[in-house]
Protein backbone atom coordinates (compact mmCIF):
# COMPACT_ATOMS: atom_id res chain seq x y z
CA UNK A 1 0.00 0.00 0.00
CA UNK A 2 3.08 2.24 0.26
CA UNK A 3 2.94 3.11 -3.45
CA UNK A 4 -0.80 3.72 -3.22
CA UNK A 5 -0.26 6.12 -0.33
CA UNK A 6 2.33 8.04 -2.35
CA UNK A 7 -0.08 8.33 -5.28
CA UNK A 8 -2.89 9.56 -3.01
CA UNK A 9 -0.55 12.08 -1.33
CA UNK A 10 0.59 13.42 -4.70
CA UNK A 11 -2.95 13.64 -6.08
CA UNK A 12 -4.14 15.41 -2.92
CA UNK A 13 -1.30 17.94 -3.14
CA UNK A 14 -2.29 18.79 -6.72
CA UNK A 15 -5.99 18.95 -5.79
CA UNK A 16 -5.22 21.24 -2.81
CA UNK A 17 -3.21 23.64 -4.95
CA UNK A 18 -5.92 23.63 -7.62
CA UNK A 19 -8.63 24.31 -5.03
CA UNK A 20 -6.63 27.25 -3.60
CA UNK A 21 -6.12 28.71 -7.06
CA UNK A 22 -9.77 28.26 -8.09
CA UNK A 23 -11.35 29.49 -4.86
CA UNK A 24 -8.86 32.15 -3.83
CA UNK A 25 -8.93 30.71 -0.30
CA UNK A 26 -5.68 30.62 1.70
CA UNK A 27 -3.70 27.42 2.23
CA UNK A 28 -4.88 27.33 5.85
CA UNK A 29 -8.42 26.61 4.60
CA UNK A 30 -7.32 23.17 3.36
CA UNK A 31 -5.66 20.37 5.35
CA UNK A 32 -1.98 19.97 4.40
CA UNK A 33 -2.35 16.19 4.11
CA UNK A 34 -5.24 14.13 2.84
CA UNK A 35 -7.49 13.70 5.89
CA UNK A 36 -8.75 10.28 4.76
CA UNK A 37 -6.99 6.94 4.91
CA UNK A 38 -6.14 5.05 1.71
CA UNK A 39 -8.87 2.54 2.61
CA UNK A 40 -11.43 5.35 2.81
CA UNK A 41 -10.24 6.90 -0.46
CA UNK A 42 -10.57 3.56 -2.24
CA UNK A 43 -13.94 2.69 -0.68
CA UNK A 44 -16.69 3.32 -3.25
CA UNK A 45 -19.23 3.70 -0.43
CA UNK A 46 -17.24 6.25 1.60
CA UNK A 47 -18.61 9.76 1.42
CA UNK A 48 -16.88 12.23 3.73
CA UNK A 49 -18.87 15.02 5.26
CA UNK A 50 -17.76 18.44 6.42
CA UNK A 51 -17.63 17.14 9.99
CA UNK A 52 -15.02 14.55 8.92
CA UNK A 53 -12.40 17.24 8.40
CA UNK A 54 -9.95 17.83 11.24
CA UNK A 55 -10.08 21.34 12.69
CA UNK A 56 -13.41 21.92 11.00
CA UNK A 57 -13.67 25.64 10.29
CA UNK A 58 -17.47 25.39 10.08
CA UNK A 59 -18.04 24.44 13.75
């Protein structure tokens, strides 16, 4: 799973940068690392909610 984790980390980094660019939000608005485990990312039935994010800024 090591290689899978590296792929997820890389994809998340690109997605985070894209989201910052598209929304104009600061980096602090997005977790630095993917907040979901590789098992969650690969689970077709997993659907994260806002409350699943660490340090939820919407509390």
